[in-house]
Protein backbone atom coordinates (compact mmCIF):
# COMPACT_ATOMS: atom_id res chain seq x y z
CA MET A 1 -0.40 -0.10 0.25
CA ILE A 2 2.51 2.64 0.85
CA MET A 3 4.19 1.97 -2.32
CA THR A 4 1.11 3.07 -4.09
CA VAL A 5 0.67 6.17 -2.64
CA ILE A 6 4.96 6.73 -3.23
CA HIS A 7 4.25 6.22 -6.97
CA LYS A 8 1.12 8.05 -7.41
CA LEU A 9 2.56 10.72 -5.50
CA ILE A 10 5.54 10.56 -7.89
CA VAL A 11 3.11 10.19 -10.23
CA LEU A 12 0.88 13.12 -9.91
CA ILE A 13 3.56 15.65 -8.32
CA PRO A 14 5.62 17.41 -10.98
CA ASN A 15 8.91 18.24 -10.80
CA SER A 16 11.17 21.19 -10.94
CA LYS A 17 11.63 20.71 -14.67
CA GLN A 18 7.90 20.51 -15.37
CA LEU A 19 7.43 23.28 -13.42
CA SER A 20 9.61 25.26 -14.08
CA SER A 21 9.12 24.17 -17.90
CA GLY A 22 5.77 24.55 -17.86
CA ALA A 23 4.90 21.34 -19.15
CA PRO A 24 1.44 20.06 -18.36
CA SER A 25 1.92 17.99 -15.23
CA ILE A 26 0.31 14.40 -15.63
CA SER A 27 -3.23 14.10 -15.32
CA PRO A 28 -4.25 12.04 -12.25
CA ALA A 29 -5.61 9.12 -14.78
CA ALA A 30 -2.38 8.55 -14.83
CA ALA A 31 -1.40 7.66 -11.75
CA VAL A 32 -2.19 3.62 -12.45
CA VAL A 33 -1.84 0.75 -9.84
CA PRO A 34 1.46 -1.15 -11.12
CA PRO A 35 -0.25 -4.12 -13.27
CA TRP A 36 1.91 -6.86 -10.32
CA PHE A 37 -0.64 -5.47 -7.65
CA GLY A 38 -4.05 -7.44 -8.13
CA PRO A 39 -7.42 -5.36 -8.43
CA ALA A 40 -8.56 -6.28 -4.77
CA TYR A 41 -4.92 -4.25 -4.33
CA ALA A 42 -5.97 -1.03 -5.90
CA ALA A 43 -8.83 -1.19 -4.25
CA ALA A 44 -7.77 -1.32 -0.81
CA ALA A 45 -5.26 1.59 -2.40
CA ALA A 46 -7.75 4.21 -2.25
CA VAL A 47 -8.13 3.99 1.64
CA PRO A 48 -5.31 5.13 3.60
CA PRO A 49 -4.75 2.76 6.61
CA PRO A 50 -6.47 4.04 9.71
CA TRP A 51 -2.71 4.84 11.20
CA PHE A 52 -2.01 7.06 8.25
CA VAL A 53 -4.61 9.54 8.04
CA PRO A 54 -3.17 12.05 11.41
CA ALA A 55 0.19 12.32 8.51
CA ILE A 56 -2.26 12.98 5.56
CA ALA A 57 -4.32 15.39 7.55
CA ALA A 58 -0.83 16.98 8.47
CA ALA A 59 0.42 17.10 5.30
CA THR A 60 -2.84 18.65 3.87
CA ALA A 61 -3.03 21.35 6.84
CA ALA A 62 1.19 22.19 5.95
CA ALA A 63 1.93 24.78 3.72
CA LEU A 64 2.33 24.17 0.13
CA PRO A 65 5.90 24.62 -0.40
CA PRO A 66 7.05 27.31 -2.99
CA VAL A 67 8.01 26.15 -5.59
CA LEU A 68 3.88 24.74 -6.17
CA THR A 69 2.36 28.11 -4.21
CA ALA A 70 4.59 29.85 -7.30
CA ALA A 71 2.62 28.31 -9.74
CA LEU A 72 -0.88 27.83 -8.53
CA ALA A 73 -0.68 31.60 -8.57
CA PRO A 74 -1.48 32.53 -11.97
CA LEU A 75 -3.89 29.87 -11.88
CA LYS A 76 -5.52 31.13 -8.80
CA ALA A 77 -5.37 34.73 -10.97
CA ILE A 78 -7.65 33.08 -13.35
CA LEU A 79 -10.12 30.90 -11.42
CA ASN A 80 -10.85 34.98 -9.61
CA GLN A 81 -11.39 36.21 -12.52
CA MET A 82 -13.79 33.95 -13.62
CA ASP A 83 -15.45 34.26 -10.83
CA GLU A 84 -15.90 37.85 -11.02
CA ASN A 85 -16.83 37.27 -14.82
CA LEU A 86 -19.50 34.70 -13.55
CA THR A 87 -21.03 37.06 -10.71
CA GLU A 88 -21.01 40.47 -13.24
CA LEU A 89 -23.09 37.98 -15.73
CA SER A 90 -25.05 36.40 -13.23
CA MET A 91 -26.06 39.76 -11.50
CA CYS A 92 -27.35 40.91 -15.64
CA TYR A 93 -29.01 38.21 -16.19
CA CYS A 94 -31.07 38.44 -12.87
CA LYS A 95 -31.59 42.35 -13.80
CA ASP A 96 -32.81 41.27 -17.38
CA LEU A 97 -35.24 38.53 -15.64
CA ASN A 98 -36.34 40.85 -13.63
CA SER A 99 -36.70 43.36 -16.34
CA PHE A 100 -40.05 44.70 -17.22
CA ARG A 101 -40.25 43.67 -20.89
CA GLN A 102 -39.28 40.29 -19.35
CA MET A 103 -41.61 40.42 -15.85
CA PRO A 104 -45.41 41.30 -15.24
CA HIS A 105 -45.37 44.70 -13.12
CA VAL A 106 -46.03 42.03 -9.30
CA GLY A 107 -43.66 39.79 -9.90
CA PRO A 108 -41.56 37.13 -8.44
CA PHE A 109 -37.84 38.24 -8.65
CA HIS A 110 -35.55 36.97 -9.26
CA GLU A 111 -32.10 36.80 -6.41
CA VAL A 112 -29.85 39.00 -7.87
CA LEU A 113 -26.62 38.74 -6.46
CA LEU A 114 -24.30 40.92 -4.65
CA PRO A 115 -21.72 42.92 -6.31
CA ASP A 116 -19.44 40.81 -3.67
CA GLY A 117 -21.32 37.68 -5.26
CA ARG A 118 -23.80 36.55 -2.13
CA ARG A 119 -26.88 36.25 -2.11
CA PRO A 120 -28.85 38.61 -0.22
CA TRP A 121 -31.81 37.47 0.74
CA ASN A 122 -32.21 36.38 4.06
CA LEU A 123 -28.50 37.49 4.94
CA VAL A 124 -28.03 38.26 8.27
CA HIS A 125 -26.52 41.80 8.08
CA ASN A 126 -24.85 44.04 11.04
CA LEU A 127 -25.56 47.56 10.84
CA PRO A 128 -24.29 49.58 13.77
CA GLY A 129 -26.61 48.64 16.31
CA PRO A 130 -27.21 46.18 19.14
CA ILE A 131 -30.15 43.75 16.61
CA PRO A 132 -28.32 42.30 13.15
CA VAL A 133 -30.27 42.52 10.16
CA VAL A 134 -32.07 39.55 7.90
CA LEU A 135 -32.69 40.87 4.56
CA PRO A 136 -35.95 39.79 3.70
CA PRO A 137 -36.57 38.33 -0.30
CA LEU A 138 -37.92 40.68 -2.35
CA ILE A 139 -40.07 38.45 -4.43
CA ASP A 140 -42.81 41.65 -5.90
CA SER A 141 -42.90 45.40 -5.61
CA GLN A 142 -44.62 44.82 -2.82
CA SER A 143 -41.80 43.34 -0.76
CA ILE A 144 -39.70 46.47 -1.36
CA GLN A 145 -42.13 49.37 -0.34
CA ASN A 146 -42.54 46.86 2.69
CA LEU A 147 -38.72 46.87 3.91
CA SER A 148 -38.17 48.53 7.04
CA VAL A 149 -35.68 52.05 7.38
CA ASN A 150 -33.19 49.30 8.63
CA GLU A 151 -33.75 46.58 6.16
CA SER A 152 -33.48 49.26 3.03
CA CYS A 153 -30.18 50.85 4.59
CA ALA A 154 -28.48 47.73 4.74
CA TYR A 155 -29.94 45.83 1.16
CA PHE A 156 -28.57 49.87 -0.31
CA ILE A 157 -25.80 49.48 1.84
CA LEU A 158 -24.44 46.18 0.19
CA TYR A 159 -25.65 47.05 -3.88
CA TYR A 160 -24.29 50.26 -3.20
CA PRO A 161 -21.07 49.32 -1.19
CA ASN A 162 -19.22 53.22 -2.03
CA HIS A 163 -21.98 55.28 -1.89
CA ASP A 164 -22.74 57.35 1.04
CA VAL A 165 -25.51 55.83 2.81
CA GLY A 166 -26.52 58.65 4.64
CA LEU A 167 -27.26 60.94 2.26
CA TYR A 168 -30.28 58.98 0.55
CA PRO A 169 -33.21 59.10 3.11
CA HIS A 170 -34.95 55.76 3.57
CA LEU A 171 -37.87 57.07 0.32
CA LEU A 172 -34.88 57.47 -1.90
CA ARG A 173 -33.08 54.67 -0.95
CA LEU A 174 -36.47 52.65 -2.38
CA PRO A 175 -36.32 53.29 -5.98
CA GLU A 176 -31.75 52.03 -5.96
CA ILE A 177 -32.87 49.10 -4.50
CA ARG A 178 -35.79 48.71 -7.13
CA ARG A 179 -32.66 49.79 -9.77
CA ALA A 180 -30.44 47.08 -8.27
CA ILE A 181 -32.55 44.84 -9.41
CA GLY A 182 -33.37 45.59 -12.60
CA ARG A 183 -36.58 47.11 -11.90
CA PRO A 184 -36.23 51.13 -12.03
CA ALA A 185 -39.98 52.83 -10.71
C-alpha cells in the first residue's frame, strides 16, 4: 500500500523541471496502480490505513512548498477573474429577467447577487447597533415597499458599497434598490 501511495505521489507531483518549463503535469488518470498489483489491491489502495490518516491530515494542513505556491498563483488569479466575471454575468442576467420587458409588474422577482457574489435574501447583515438585520426576499414590488428603514439601509449598503448611505433617506433608497435588482421605478 505504501508503494502505491509513493507511486501516486511520484506520478502526480511534477518535478521542478516540469514546473519551470511550463510542461503540463500528468493527469490523475495516469496514476494507475502498477500491473503487478491485483485488482483487490487497487481497491484497497484508495483507502488509507487508519495509522496514516493523521499524517495525511498534517500534510494537508501544512503549507504548500514555495514551488507549488508559485505554480498555483496564476491559476488562482484566473479562477478569481472567472468568479468575478460569473458574478457580473449572473447579476446582469437576473436584472434582465426582472426587467419590465421580461416580467409583469407584480413579480416574482429573481434574486440578484450582490457585487461581492453573495446572495442577499435572508442574509444577516450587521448594521451599527445591537441587532443584526435579516434581509427579506425581494420577490415583488410590495416586498420592496414594505422594507423597514434598517432593511433598506442594509440592502443599499450591500448593493452600493461605494455610496454614502447617509445621503439617501429611506424613501430615496427604495428606488435605488429597485434599480439594483433591475426594476427601476
